Amino acid sequence: MANSKMSGQLEVTSKRATFGMGCFWAGDSLFGALPGVISTCVGYAGGTTESPVYKDMGDHTEVIDIEYNPELVSYSQLLGLFWDNHEYGITSKTKRQYMSLVLYHNEEQKSLVEKSRDLKQQEVGKVIVTEIHKFVKFYPAENYHQKYRLQQHPWLLEETGLTTPEALRTSPLAAKLNGYIAGANSLEQFQAELPHLKLSEKAAQYVTKYFVENQGKGLYC
């Protein structure tokens, strides 16, 4: 998912981060609304089962795979959201499908994850059960899982042209709208970014309505 992006006159290579933190619908919205995140995709990773599917994912975990611009958001900032936004917490074990998991893509990420885990463990005063492993392979989830919150608004999908499975998996606009429609991020950030989304006036009003309604209600099922 990593690509080369242009930042002024300099070429910027996007990076990836992969986290498991409970139901992946929530992470899709949480990270999608974060400035610096380019795109998000939900799926299965961390296990050995070949070709996992939702009803038979074997030893894999639900994860959110993130493409981000390291000039706008750091991996440490992504980790901050990761540690603070788990469905089932980071100090109690749950079934593998929803467990806390970090899949690092390089040695720098591995070092940052381990250091941040140790600091978080000191902060909470309990043993953190989050598993940390090297990223091997990511299997995108079925189409109905991609940008799940956004897919509950078919009018908005049609209005913005986000009507194909590929668009839902890879479009930066889909990632943003999937987050904002669920009330992710702050009102100040939403208002600052809204003009840059280049929505029609009707679509902007529609997204604003649902952002305000859903903010603070939580992202998990």
N, C-alpha and C. Protein backbone atom coordinates (compact mmCIF):
# COMPACT_ATOMS: atom_id res chain seq x y z
N MET A 1 0.83 -1.20 0.00
CA MET A 1 0.00 0.00 0.00
C MET A 1 0.87 1.26 0.00
N ALA A 2 2.18 1.14 0.26
CA ALA A 2 3.03 2.32 0.30
C ALA A 2 3.25 2.87 -1.10
N ASN A 3 3.19 4.20 -1.23
CA ASN A 3 3.37 4.87 -2.51
C ASN A 3 4.26 6.08 -2.32
N SER A 4 4.73 6.61 -3.45
CA SER A 4 5.48 7.86 -3.41
C SER A 4 4.53 9.03 -3.61
N LYS A 5 4.54 9.99 -2.71
CA LYS A 5 3.68 11.16 -2.76
C LYS A 5 4.54 12.40 -2.96
N MET A 6 3.97 13.42 -3.55
CA MET A 6 4.70 14.67 -3.73
C MET A 6 4.35 15.64 -2.62
N SER A 7 5.36 16.20 -1.96
CA SER A 7 5.17 17.21 -0.92
C SER A 7 6.00 18.42 -1.34
N GLY A 8 5.34 19.42 -1.98
CA GLY A 8 6.07 20.54 -2.55
C GLY A 8 6.91 20.00 -3.69
N GLN A 9 8.22 20.22 -3.63
CA GLN A 9 9.12 19.72 -4.67
C GLN A 9 9.79 18.41 -4.27
N LEU A 10 9.50 17.92 -3.08
CA LEU A 10 10.16 16.72 -2.59
C LEU A 10 9.23 15.53 -2.65
N GLU A 11 9.79 14.40 -3.03
CA GLU A 11 9.01 13.17 -3.07
C GLU A 11 9.00 12.54 -1.69
N VAL A 12 7.82 12.20 -1.21
CA VAL A 12 7.66 11.60 0.11
C VAL A 12 7.12 10.19 -0.07
N THR A 13 7.79 9.22 0.53
CA THR A 13 7.32 7.84 0.46
C THR A 13 6.42 7.56 1.66
N SER A 14 5.20 7.16 1.37
CA SER A 14 4.27 6.83 2.45
C SER A 14 4.72 5.55 3.15
N LYS A 15 4.25 5.38 4.36
CA LYS A 15 4.60 4.20 5.16
C LYS A 15 3.32 3.49 5.61
N ARG A 16 3.52 2.30 6.17
CA ARG A 16 2.39 1.50 6.62
C ARG A 16 2.50 1.19 8.10
N ALA A 17 1.34 1.04 8.71
CA ALA A 17 1.24 0.58 10.09
C ALA A 17 0.07 -0.39 10.15
N THR A 18 0.20 -1.42 10.99
CA THR A 18 -0.84 -2.44 11.07
C THR A 18 -1.12 -2.78 12.52
N PHE A 19 -2.39 -2.57 12.93
CA PHE A 19 -2.77 -2.75 14.33
C PHE A 19 -4.03 -3.60 14.45
N GLY A 20 -4.07 -4.40 15.52
CA GLY A 20 -5.29 -5.08 15.92
C GLY A 20 -5.70 -4.57 17.29
N MET A 21 -6.94 -4.14 17.44
CA MET A 21 -7.36 -3.52 18.70
C MET A 21 -8.84 -3.73 18.98
N GLY A 22 -9.36 -4.87 18.53
CA GLY A 22 -10.78 -5.15 18.70
C GLY A 22 -11.45 -5.17 17.35
N CYS A 23 -12.74 -4.88 17.31
CA CYS A 23 -13.50 -4.83 16.05
C CYS A 23 -12.84 -3.84 15.09
N PHE A 24 -12.52 -4.29 13.89
CA PHE A 24 -11.76 -3.41 12.99
C PHE A 24 -12.57 -2.27 12.39
N TRP A 25 -13.88 -2.29 12.51
CA TRP A 25 -14.69 -1.15 12.04
C TRP A 25 -14.30 0.13 12.79
N ALA A 26 -14.05 -0.02 14.10
CA ALA A 26 -13.72 1.15 14.92
C ALA A 26 -12.38 1.76 14.51
N GLY A 27 -11.37 0.91 14.36
CA GLY A 27 -10.06 1.40 13.96
C GLY A 27 -10.09 2.06 12.59
N ASP A 28 -10.92 1.54 11.71
CA ASP A 28 -11.06 2.12 10.37
C ASP A 28 -11.51 3.58 10.46
N SER A 29 -12.46 3.85 11.34
CA SER A 29 -12.94 5.22 11.52
C SER A 29 -11.94 6.06 12.30
N LEU A 30 -11.38 5.51 13.36
CA LEU A 30 -10.46 6.25 14.23
C LEU A 30 -9.26 6.78 13.46
N PHE A 31 -8.59 5.90 12.74
CA PHE A 31 -7.39 6.31 12.03
C PHE A 31 -7.70 7.04 10.74
N GLY A 32 -8.82 6.73 10.11
CA GLY A 32 -9.17 7.39 8.86
C GLY A 32 -9.33 8.89 9.01
N ALA A 33 -9.78 9.34 10.18
CA ALA A 33 -10.01 10.76 10.41
C ALA A 33 -8.77 11.49 10.92
N LEU A 34 -7.66 10.77 11.07
CA LEU A 34 -6.44 11.39 11.60
C LEU A 34 -5.66 12.11 10.50
N PRO A 35 -5.34 13.39 10.68
CA PRO A 35 -4.52 14.10 9.68
C PRO A 35 -3.21 13.36 9.43
N GLY A 36 -2.84 13.22 8.18
CA GLY A 36 -1.63 12.52 7.82
C GLY A 36 -1.86 11.10 7.37
N VAL A 37 -3.01 10.53 7.74
CA VAL A 37 -3.36 9.20 7.25
C VAL A 37 -3.90 9.33 5.83
N ILE A 38 -3.36 8.54 4.93
CA ILE A 38 -3.74 8.61 3.52
C ILE A 38 -4.90 7.68 3.22
N SER A 39 -4.79 6.44 3.64
CA SER A 39 -5.86 5.47 3.38
C SER A 39 -5.84 4.39 4.45
N THR A 40 -6.94 3.67 4.55
CA THR A 40 -7.07 2.58 5.51
C THR A 40 -7.74 1.40 4.83
N CYS A 41 -7.46 0.21 5.34
CA CYS A 41 -8.11 -0.99 4.84
C CYS A 41 -8.21 -1.98 5.99
N VAL A 42 -9.35 -2.62 6.17
CA VAL A 42 -9.49 -3.60 7.24
C VAL A 42 -9.30 -5.00 6.67
N GLY A 43 -8.81 -5.89 7.53
CA GLY A 43 -8.58 -7.25 7.06
C GLY A 43 -8.06 -8.15 8.16
N TYR A 44 -7.38 -9.19 7.75
CA TYR A 44 -6.92 -10.24 8.66
C TYR A 44 -5.41 -10.42 8.51
N ALA A 45 -4.72 -10.59 9.65
CA ALA A 45 -3.27 -10.74 9.61
C ALA A 45 -2.79 -11.33 10.93
N GLY A 46 -1.51 -11.68 10.95
CA GLY A 46 -0.89 -12.15 12.18
C GLY A 46 -0.87 -13.65 12.37
N GLY A 47 -1.59 -14.37 11.51
CA GLY A 47 -1.66 -15.82 11.66
C GLY A 47 -1.00 -16.55 10.51
N THR A 48 -1.30 -17.84 10.41
CA THR A 48 -0.69 -18.67 9.38
C THR A 48 -1.71 -19.26 8.42
N THR A 49 -2.99 -19.13 8.73
CA THR A 49 -4.05 -19.70 7.88
C THR A 49 -4.04 -19.03 6.52
N GLU A 50 -4.12 -19.81 5.46
CA GLU A 50 -4.16 -19.27 4.12
C GLU A 50 -5.56 -18.80 3.76
N SER A 51 -5.65 -17.67 3.10
CA SER A 51 -6.91 -17.12 2.56
C SER A 51 -8.02 -17.07 3.60
N PRO A 52 -7.80 -16.39 4.72
CA PRO A 52 -8.85 -16.29 5.75
C PRO A 52 -10.04 -15.47 5.27
N VAL A 53 -11.21 -15.80 5.79
CA VAL A 53 -12.43 -15.04 5.56
C VAL A 53 -13.08 -14.81 6.91
N TYR A 54 -14.04 -13.90 6.96
CA TYR A 54 -14.60 -13.49 8.25
C TYR A 54 -15.14 -14.67 9.06
N LYS A 55 -15.83 -15.60 8.40
CA LYS A 55 -16.44 -16.71 9.12
C LYS A 55 -15.47 -17.87 9.33
N ASP A 56 -14.27 -17.74 8.81
CA ASP A 56 -13.27 -18.78 8.99
C ASP A 56 -11.88 -18.15 8.86
N MET A 57 -11.51 -17.33 9.84
CA MET A 57 -10.23 -16.62 9.75
C MET A 57 -9.08 -17.38 10.41
N GLY A 58 -9.35 -18.57 10.92
CA GLY A 58 -8.29 -19.38 11.50
C GLY A 58 -7.60 -18.67 12.65
N ASP A 59 -6.26 -18.57 12.59
CA ASP A 59 -5.50 -17.98 13.69
C ASP A 59 -5.14 -16.52 13.44
N HIS A 60 -5.85 -15.88 12.53
CA HIS A 60 -5.61 -14.47 12.24
C HIS A 60 -6.40 -13.57 13.19
N THR A 61 -6.07 -12.27 13.16
CA THR A 61 -6.72 -11.25 13.98
C THR A 61 -7.29 -10.16 13.09
N GLU A 62 -8.39 -9.57 13.50
CA GLU A 62 -8.93 -8.41 12.77
C GLU A 62 -7.95 -7.25 12.95
N VAL A 63 -7.51 -6.66 11.84
CA VAL A 63 -6.55 -5.56 11.92
C VAL A 63 -6.96 -4.43 10.99
N ILE A 64 -6.39 -3.27 11.26
CA ILE A 64 -6.53 -2.11 10.39
C ILE A 64 -5.15 -1.84 9.80
N ASP A 65 -5.08 -1.81 8.47
CA ASP A 65 -3.83 -1.55 7.77
C ASP A 65 -3.87 -0.10 7.29
N ILE A 66 -2.86 0.67 7.64
CA ILE A 66 -2.88 2.12 7.48
C ILE A 66 -1.74 2.56 6.58
N GLU A 67 -2.05 3.41 5.62
CA GLU A 67 -1.02 4.10 4.84
C GLU A 67 -0.97 5.53 5.33
N TYR A 68 0.23 6.02 5.66
CA TYR A 68 0.31 7.36 6.22
C TYR A 68 1.51 8.11 5.67
N ASN A 69 1.42 9.43 5.75
CA ASN A 69 2.50 10.32 5.33
C ASN A 69 3.35 10.65 6.56
N PRO A 70 4.59 10.15 6.62
CA PRO A 70 5.40 10.36 7.82
C PRO A 70 5.81 11.81 8.05
N GLU A 71 5.61 12.67 7.05
CA GLU A 71 5.90 14.09 7.25
C GLU A 71 4.76 14.80 7.98
N LEU A 72 3.59 14.17 8.01
CA LEU A 72 2.42 14.79 8.63
C LEU A 72 2.00 14.10 9.93
N VAL A 73 2.29 12.84 10.04
CA VAL A 73 1.96 12.11 11.27
C VAL A 73 3.05 11.05 11.49
N SER A 74 3.51 10.94 12.72
CA SER A 74 4.59 9.99 13.01
C SER A 74 4.02 8.65 13.45
N TYR A 75 4.87 7.64 13.38
CA TYR A 75 4.47 6.32 13.86
C TYR A 75 4.18 6.37 15.36
N SER A 76 4.93 7.17 16.08
CA SER A 76 4.68 7.31 17.53
C SER A 76 3.30 7.90 17.81
N GLN A 77 2.85 8.83 16.97
CA GLN A 77 1.50 9.37 17.13
C GLN A 77 0.45 8.31 16.86
N LEU A 78 0.68 7.49 15.86
CA LEU A 78 -0.24 6.39 15.58
C LEU A 78 -0.30 5.43 16.77
N LEU A 79 0.87 5.16 17.36
CA LEU A 79 0.91 4.29 18.53
C LEU A 79 0.13 4.88 19.70
N GLY A 80 0.18 6.22 19.83
CA GLY A 80 -0.59 6.86 20.90
C GLY A 80 -2.07 6.56 20.78
N LEU A 81 -2.60 6.65 19.57
CA LEU A 81 -4.01 6.31 19.35
C LEU A 81 -4.24 4.82 19.60
N PHE A 82 -3.31 4.01 19.16
CA PHE A 82 -3.44 2.57 19.34
C PHE A 82 -3.57 2.20 20.82
N TRP A 83 -2.66 2.67 21.65
CA TRP A 83 -2.67 2.28 23.06
C TRP A 83 -3.91 2.78 23.79
N ASP A 84 -4.46 3.90 23.36
CA ASP A 84 -5.55 4.53 24.11
C ASP A 84 -6.95 4.18 23.61
N ASN A 85 -7.08 3.32 22.59
CA ASN A 85 -8.40 3.13 21.99
C ASN A 85 -8.73 1.68 21.69
N HIS A 86 -8.50 0.79 22.65
CA HIS A 86 -8.82 -0.61 22.48
C HIS A 86 -10.25 -0.93 22.90
N GLU A 87 -10.85 -1.87 22.21
CA GLU A 87 -12.19 -2.30 22.58
C GLU A 87 -12.18 -3.10 23.88
N TYR A 88 -11.24 -4.01 24.01
CA TYR A 88 -11.21 -4.89 25.18
C TYR A 88 -10.03 -4.59 26.11
N GLY A 89 -9.30 -3.54 25.84
CA GLY A 89 -8.19 -3.17 26.71
C GLY A 89 -6.88 -3.83 26.31
N ILE A 90 -5.82 -3.44 27.00
CA ILE A 90 -4.47 -3.92 26.67
C ILE A 90 -3.87 -4.75 27.79
N THR A 91 -4.64 -4.97 28.87
CA THR A 91 -4.11 -5.73 30.00
C THR A 91 -4.91 -7.01 30.27
N SER A 92 -5.87 -7.31 29.43
CA SER A 92 -6.65 -8.54 29.61
C SER A 92 -6.74 -9.29 28.28
N LYS A 93 -6.56 -10.58 28.33
CA LYS A 93 -6.59 -11.38 27.12
C LYS A 93 -8.03 -11.57 26.63
N THR A 94 -8.18 -11.62 25.33
CA THR A 94 -9.46 -11.93 24.72
C THR A 94 -9.20 -12.89 23.58
N LYS A 95 -10.25 -13.32 22.90
CA LYS A 95 -10.02 -14.29 21.83
C LYS A 95 -9.20 -13.67 20.71
N ARG A 96 -8.50 -14.50 19.99
CA ARG A 96 -7.51 -14.06 19.02
C ARG A 96 -8.10 -13.12 17.97
N GLN A 97 -9.33 -13.30 17.61
CA GLN A 97 -9.96 -12.46 16.59
C GLN A 97 -9.88 -10.98 16.95
N TYR A 98 -10.01 -10.67 18.23
CA TYR A 98 -10.10 -9.27 18.67
C TYR A 98 -8.93 -8.83 19.54
N MET A 99 -7.88 -9.61 19.60
CA MET A 99 -6.81 -9.30 20.56
C MET A 99 -6.01 -8.06 20.16
N SER A 100 -5.26 -7.55 21.13
CA SER A 100 -4.38 -6.41 20.91
C SER A 100 -3.12 -6.88 20.21
N LEU A 101 -2.81 -6.28 19.06
CA LEU A 101 -1.72 -6.78 18.22
C LEU A 101 -1.07 -5.64 17.45
N VAL A 102 0.25 -5.62 17.43
CA VAL A 102 1.01 -4.72 16.57
C VAL A 102 1.86 -5.57 15.64
N LEU A 103 1.75 -5.32 14.34
CA LEU A 103 2.59 -5.96 13.35
C LEU A 103 3.53 -4.91 12.78
N TYR A 104 4.80 -4.98 13.14
CA TYR A 104 5.75 -3.95 12.71
C TYR A 104 6.28 -4.26 11.31
N HIS A 105 6.58 -3.20 10.56
CA HIS A 105 7.02 -3.34 9.17
C HIS A 105 8.53 -3.19 9.00
N ASN A 106 9.22 -2.74 10.04
CA ASN A 106 10.67 -2.59 9.98
C ASN A 106 11.22 -2.52 11.40
N GLU A 107 12.53 -2.52 11.52
CA GLU A 107 13.15 -2.54 12.84
C GLU A 107 12.91 -1.25 13.62
N GLU A 108 12.80 -0.15 12.91
CA GLU A 108 12.50 1.11 13.60
C GLU A 108 11.13 1.05 14.28
N GLN A 109 10.13 0.54 13.55
CA GLN A 109 8.81 0.39 14.15
C GLN A 109 8.86 -0.56 15.34
N LYS A 110 9.59 -1.66 15.20
CA LYS A 110 9.69 -2.62 16.29
C LYS A 110 10.23 -1.96 17.56
N SER A 111 11.30 -1.18 17.40
CA SER A 111 11.90 -0.51 18.55
C SER A 111 10.92 0.48 19.18
N LEU A 112 10.22 1.25 18.36
CA LEU A 112 9.27 2.24 18.88
C LEU A 112 8.10 1.56 19.59
N VAL A 113 7.62 0.45 19.04
CA VAL A 113 6.53 -0.28 19.67
C VAL A 113 6.94 -0.79 21.03
N GLU A 114 8.10 -1.41 21.10
CA GLU A 114 8.55 -2.00 22.36
C GLU A 114 8.78 -0.92 23.42
N LYS A 115 9.36 0.20 23.04
CA LYS A 115 9.58 1.29 23.99
C LYS A 115 8.27 1.88 24.47
N SER A 116 7.33 2.08 23.54
CA SER A 116 6.04 2.65 23.92
C SER A 116 5.25 1.68 24.80
N ARG A 117 5.38 0.39 24.54
CA ARG A 117 4.71 -0.60 25.40
C ARG A 117 5.24 -0.54 26.82
N ASP A 118 6.56 -0.46 26.95
CA ASP A 118 7.16 -0.41 28.29
C ASP A 118 6.71 0.85 29.04
N LEU A 119 6.65 1.97 28.35
CA LEU A 119 6.20 3.21 28.98
C LEU A 119 4.72 3.11 29.38
N LYS A 120 3.92 2.51 28.50
CA LYS A 120 2.48 2.37 28.80
C LYS A 120 2.28 1.42 29.97
N GLN A 121 3.09 0.40 30.06
CA GLN A 121 2.98 -0.56 31.16
C GLN A 121 3.30 0.12 32.49
N GLN A 122 4.31 0.99 32.50
CA GLN A 122 4.62 1.75 33.71
C GLN A 122 3.45 2.66 34.07
N GLU A 123 2.83 3.24 33.06
CA GLU A 123 1.73 4.17 33.29
C GLU A 123 0.52 3.48 33.90
N VAL A 124 0.14 2.31 33.38
CA VAL A 124 -1.07 1.64 33.85
C VAL A 124 -0.81 0.75 35.06
N GLY A 125 0.46 0.39 35.28
CA GLY A 125 0.79 -0.42 36.45
C GLY A 125 0.35 -1.86 36.35
N LYS A 126 0.13 -2.33 35.14
CA LYS A 126 -0.27 -3.73 34.92
C LYS A 126 0.49 -4.27 33.72
N VAL A 127 0.53 -5.59 33.63
CA VAL A 127 1.21 -6.22 32.50
C VAL A 127 0.38 -6.05 31.23
N ILE A 128 0.98 -5.53 30.19
CA ILE A 128 0.31 -5.36 28.91
C ILE A 128 0.42 -6.66 28.11
N VAL A 129 -0.69 -7.15 27.61
CA VAL A 129 -0.72 -8.45 26.92
C VAL A 129 -0.65 -8.30 25.39
N THR A 130 -0.50 -7.09 24.92
CA THR A 130 -0.41 -6.84 23.48
C THR A 130 0.70 -7.68 22.86
N GLU A 131 0.39 -8.37 21.78
CA GLU A 131 1.40 -9.15 21.06
C GLU A 131 2.06 -8.28 19.99
N ILE A 132 3.36 -8.44 19.82
CA ILE A 132 4.14 -7.67 18.86
C ILE A 132 4.88 -8.65 17.96
N HIS A 133 4.58 -8.59 16.67
CA HIS A 133 5.19 -9.52 15.72
C HIS A 133 5.56 -8.79 14.43
N LYS A 134 6.44 -9.39 13.67
CA LYS A 134 6.80 -8.87 12.36
C LYS A 134 5.65 -9.06 11.39
N PHE A 135 5.36 -8.02 10.61
CA PHE A 135 4.33 -8.12 9.58
C PHE A 135 4.77 -9.11 8.52
N VAL A 136 3.85 -10.00 8.13
CA VAL A 136 4.13 -10.97 7.08
C VAL A 136 3.21 -10.77 5.89
N LYS A 137 1.91 -10.85 6.13
CA LYS A 137 0.96 -10.73 5.03
C LYS A 137 -0.37 -10.20 5.55
N PHE A 138 -1.00 -9.40 4.74
CA PHE A 138 -2.31 -8.82 5.07
C PHE A 138 -3.33 -9.31 4.06
N TYR A 139 -4.47 -9.78 4.57
CA TYR A 139 -5.57 -10.23 3.72
C TYR A 139 -6.74 -9.26 3.86
N PRO A 140 -7.06 -8.48 2.84
CA PRO A 140 -8.20 -7.55 2.95
C PRO A 140 -9.49 -8.30 3.28
N ALA A 141 -10.29 -7.71 4.14
CA ALA A 141 -11.58 -8.30 4.50
C ALA A 141 -12.58 -8.13 3.36
N GLU A 142 -13.70 -8.80 3.50
CA GLU A 142 -14.76 -8.74 2.51
C GLU A 142 -15.22 -7.31 2.30
N ASN A 143 -15.79 -7.05 1.13
CA ASN A 143 -16.17 -5.68 0.77
C ASN A 143 -17.11 -5.04 1.77
N TYR A 144 -18.02 -5.81 2.35
CA TYR A 144 -19.01 -5.19 3.25
C TYR A 144 -18.39 -4.70 4.55
N HIS A 145 -17.16 -5.12 4.84
CA HIS A 145 -16.47 -4.62 6.04
C HIS A 145 -15.72 -3.31 5.79
N GLN A 146 -15.40 -3.02 4.54
CA GLN A 146 -14.58 -1.85 4.23
C GLN A 146 -15.39 -0.56 4.40
N LYS A 147 -14.87 0.36 5.21
CA LYS A 147 -15.55 1.64 5.47
C LYS A 147 -17.00 1.38 5.88
N TYR A 148 -17.15 0.50 6.87
CA TYR A 148 -18.47 0.02 7.27
C TYR A 148 -19.39 1.16 7.69
N ARG A 149 -18.87 2.12 8.46
CA ARG A 149 -19.72 3.23 8.91
C ARG A 149 -20.19 4.05 7.72
N LEU A 150 -19.33 4.28 6.78
CA LEU A 150 -19.69 5.05 5.60
C LEU A 150 -20.71 4.31 4.74
N GLN A 151 -20.59 3.00 4.68
CA GLN A 151 -21.52 2.22 3.85
C GLN A 151 -22.96 2.25 4.38
N GLN A 152 -23.14 2.73 5.59
CA GLN A 152 -24.51 2.87 6.11
C GLN A 152 -25.19 4.12 5.54
N HIS A 153 -24.48 4.85 4.67
CA HIS A 153 -25.00 6.08 4.08
C HIS A 153 -24.90 6.01 2.55
N PRO A 154 -25.74 5.21 1.93
CA PRO A 154 -25.64 5.00 0.48
C PRO A 154 -25.79 6.29 -0.33
N TRP A 155 -26.59 7.23 0.14
CA TRP A 155 -26.72 8.50 -0.59
C TRP A 155 -25.39 9.20 -0.69
N LEU A 156 -24.63 9.23 0.41
CA LEU A 156 -23.33 9.90 0.42
C LEU A 156 -22.35 9.18 -0.50
N LEU A 157 -22.40 7.87 -0.53
CA LEU A 157 -21.54 7.12 -1.44
C LEU A 157 -21.80 7.52 -2.89
N GLU A 158 -23.05 7.60 -3.25
CA GLU A 158 -23.40 7.98 -4.62
C GLU A 158 -22.99 9.43 -4.90
N GLU A 159 -23.23 10.30 -3.95
CA GLU A 159 -22.93 11.72 -4.11
C GLU A 159 -21.44 11.96 -4.32
N THR A 160 -20.61 11.17 -3.67
CA THR A 160 -19.16 11.36 -3.74
C THR A 160 -18.48 10.42 -4.74
N GLY A 161 -19.24 9.53 -5.35
CA GLY A 161 -18.67 8.61 -6.33
C GLY A 161 -17.89 7.46 -5.74
N LEU A 162 -18.06 7.23 -4.44
CA LEU A 162 -17.34 6.14 -3.76
C LEU A 162 -18.18 4.87 -3.81
N THR A 163 -18.36 4.34 -4.98
CA THR A 163 -19.33 3.26 -5.19
C THR A 163 -18.68 1.92 -5.53
N THR A 164 -17.36 1.88 -5.61
CA THR A 164 -16.70 0.62 -5.97
C THR A 164 -15.93 0.06 -4.78
N PRO A 165 -15.75 -1.25 -4.73
CA PRO A 165 -14.95 -1.84 -3.65
C PRO A 165 -13.54 -1.27 -3.58
N GLU A 166 -12.92 -1.01 -4.73
CA GLU A 166 -11.57 -0.46 -4.73
C GLU A 166 -11.54 0.93 -4.09
N ALA A 167 -12.54 1.75 -4.40
CA ALA A 167 -12.60 3.09 -3.81
C ALA A 167 -12.73 3.01 -2.29
N LEU A 168 -13.55 2.09 -1.81
CA LEU A 168 -13.73 1.97 -0.37
C LEU A 168 -12.46 1.49 0.32
N ARG A 169 -11.65 0.71 -0.37
CA ARG A 169 -10.41 0.21 0.23
C ARG A 169 -9.27 1.22 0.15
N THR A 170 -9.22 2.04 -0.90
CA THR A 170 -8.01 2.82 -1.16
C THR A 170 -8.19 4.33 -1.19
N SER A 171 -9.41 4.83 -1.29
CA SER A 171 -9.62 6.26 -1.46
C SER A 171 -9.34 7.04 -0.16
N PRO A 172 -8.50 8.08 -0.21
CA PRO A 172 -8.31 8.94 0.95
C PRO A 172 -9.61 9.59 1.40
N LEU A 173 -10.48 9.98 0.44
CA LEU A 173 -11.75 10.59 0.81
C LEU A 173 -12.63 9.60 1.56
N ALA A 174 -12.64 8.35 1.13
CA ALA A 174 -13.43 7.34 1.83
C ALA A 174 -12.96 7.18 3.27
N ALA A 175 -11.64 7.20 3.47
CA ALA A 175 -11.10 7.07 4.83
C ALA A 175 -11.55 8.23 5.71
N LYS A 176 -11.48 9.45 5.16
CA LYS A 176 -11.88 10.62 5.94
C LYS A 176 -13.37 10.59 6.27
N LEU A 177 -14.19 10.33 5.25
CA LEU A 177 -15.63 10.35 5.47
C LEU A 177 -16.07 9.24 6.41
N ASN A 178 -15.43 8.09 6.33
CA ASN A 178 -15.76 6.98 7.21
C ASN A 178 -15.46 7.33 8.67
N GLY A 179 -14.45 8.14 8.88
CA GLY A 179 -14.15 8.59 10.23
C GLY A 179 -15.09 9.68 10.70
N TYR A 180 -15.25 10.69 9.87
CA TYR A 180 -16.06 11.83 10.30
C TYR A 180 -17.54 11.49 10.43
N ILE A 181 -18.06 10.63 9.57
CA ILE A 181 -19.48 10.28 9.65
C ILE A 181 -19.78 9.55 10.96
N ALA A 182 -18.73 8.94 11.56
CA ALA A 182 -18.89 8.24 12.83
C ALA A 182 -18.56 9.12 14.02
N GLY A 183 -18.17 10.37 13.77
CA GLY A 183 -17.87 11.29 14.85
C GLY A 183 -16.46 11.21 15.38
N ALA A 184 -15.54 10.62 14.60
CA ALA A 184 -14.14 10.51 15.05
C ALA A 184 -13.43 11.85 14.92
N ASN A 185 -12.45 12.06 15.79
CA ASN A 185 -11.65 13.28 15.87
C ASN A 185 -12.45 14.42 16.49
N SER A 186 -11.82 15.59 16.59
CA SER A 186 -12.43 16.73 17.28
C SER A 186 -13.24 17.58 16.31
N LEU A 187 -14.15 18.36 16.86
CA LEU A 187 -14.94 19.27 16.04
C LEU A 187 -14.05 20.28 15.35
N GLU A 188 -13.01 20.76 16.05
CA GLU A 188 -12.10 21.74 15.47
C GLU A 188 -11.37 21.17 14.24
N GLN A 189 -10.90 19.92 14.37
CA GLN A 189 -10.20 19.29 13.26
C GLN A 189 -11.15 19.05 12.09
N PHE A 190 -12.35 18.61 12.40
CA PHE A 190 -13.34 18.37 11.35
C PHE A 190 -13.65 19.65 10.59
N GLN A 191 -13.89 20.73 11.32
CA GLN A 191 -14.22 22.00 10.68
C GLN A 191 -13.06 22.53 9.85
N ALA A 192 -11.83 22.29 10.31
CA ALA A 192 -10.65 22.75 9.58
C ALA A 192 -10.46 21.96 8.28
N GLU A 193 -10.77 20.68 8.31
CA GLU A 193 -10.52 19.84 7.14
C GLU A 193 -11.68 19.82 6.15
N LEU A 194 -12.87 20.10 6.62
CA LEU A 194 -14.06 19.99 5.77
C LEU A 194 -13.92 20.70 4.43
N PRO A 195 -13.41 21.95 4.37
CA PRO A 195 -13.29 22.62 3.06
C PRO A 195 -12.35 21.89 2.11
N HIS A 196 -11.36 21.18 2.65
CA HIS A 196 -10.38 20.49 1.82
C HIS A 196 -10.92 19.19 1.24
N LEU A 197 -12.05 18.72 1.75
CA LEU A 197 -12.65 17.50 1.22
C LEU A 197 -13.36 17.73 -0.11
N LYS A 198 -13.61 19.00 -0.42
CA LYS A 198 -14.22 19.40 -1.70
C LYS A 198 -15.55 18.70 -1.95
N LEU A 199 -16.39 18.69 -0.93
CA LEU A 199 -17.72 18.12 -1.05
C LEU A 199 -18.69 19.16 -1.58
N SER A 200 -19.80 18.69 -2.13
CA SER A 200 -20.87 19.60 -2.49
C SER A 200 -21.44 20.19 -1.20
N GLU A 201 -22.14 21.29 -1.31
CA GLU A 201 -22.71 21.91 -0.12
C GLU A 201 -23.66 20.96 0.59
N LYS A 202 -24.44 20.24 -0.17
CA LYS A 202 -25.40 19.30 0.42
C LYS A 202 -24.67 18.17 1.14
N ALA A 203 -23.60 17.65 0.53
CA ALA A 203 -22.84 16.57 1.15
C ALA A 203 -22.13 17.06 2.41
N ALA A 204 -21.58 18.28 2.37
CA ALA A 204 -20.91 18.83 3.54
C ALA A 204 -21.88 18.99 4.71
N GLN A 205 -23.08 19.45 4.42
CA GLN A 205 -24.10 19.59 5.46
C GLN A 205 -24.49 18.22 6.02
N TYR A 206 -24.58 17.23 5.15
CA TYR A 206 -24.95 15.87 5.54
C TYR A 206 -23.90 15.28 6.49
N VAL A 207 -22.63 15.39 6.12
CA VAL A 207 -21.55 14.84 6.94
C VAL A 207 -21.48 15.58 8.28
N THR A 208 -21.64 16.89 8.25
CA THR A 208 -21.60 17.68 9.48
C THR A 208 -22.70 17.24 10.44
N LYS A 209 -23.88 17.01 9.93
CA LYS A 209 -25.01 16.58 10.75
C LYS A 209 -24.67 15.29 11.49
N TYR A 210 -24.14 14.31 10.78
CA TYR A 210 -23.86 13.02 11.41
C TYR A 210 -22.62 13.09 12.30
N PHE A 211 -21.64 13.92 11.93
CA PHE A 211 -20.47 14.08 12.79
C PHE A 211 -20.92 14.59 14.17
N VAL A 212 -21.73 15.62 14.17
CA VAL A 212 -22.19 16.21 15.44
C VAL A 212 -23.02 15.22 16.23
N GLU A 213 -23.89 14.48 15.54
CA GLU A 213 -24.75 13.51 16.22
C GLU A 213 -23.97 12.37 16.85
N ASN A 214 -22.91 11.94 16.17
CA ASN A 214 -22.20 10.73 16.61
C ASN A 214 -20.97 11.01 17.46
N GLN A 215 -20.50 12.25 17.52
CA GLN A 215 -19.30 12.54 18.29
C GLN A 215 -19.52 12.20 19.77
N GLY A 216 -18.56 11.49 20.33
CA GLY A 216 -18.62 11.14 21.74
C GLY A 216 -19.43 9.90 22.07
N LYS A 217 -20.05 9.29 21.05
CA LYS A 217 -20.86 8.10 21.32
C LYS A 217 -20.03 6.82 21.29
N GLY A 218 -18.76 6.90 20.93
CA GLY A 218 -17.91 5.71 20.87
C GLY A 218 -17.96 5.09 19.49
N LEU A 219 -16.86 4.44 19.11
CA LEU A 219 -16.75 3.88 17.77
C LEU A 219 -16.99 2.38 17.72
N TYR A 220 -16.91 1.72 18.88
CA TYR A 220 -17.03 0.26 18.87
C TYR A 220 -18.47 -0.19 18.83
N CYS A 221 -18.66 -1.44 18.38
CA CYS A 221 -20.00 -2.02 18.25
C CYS A 221 -20.66 -2.16 19.61
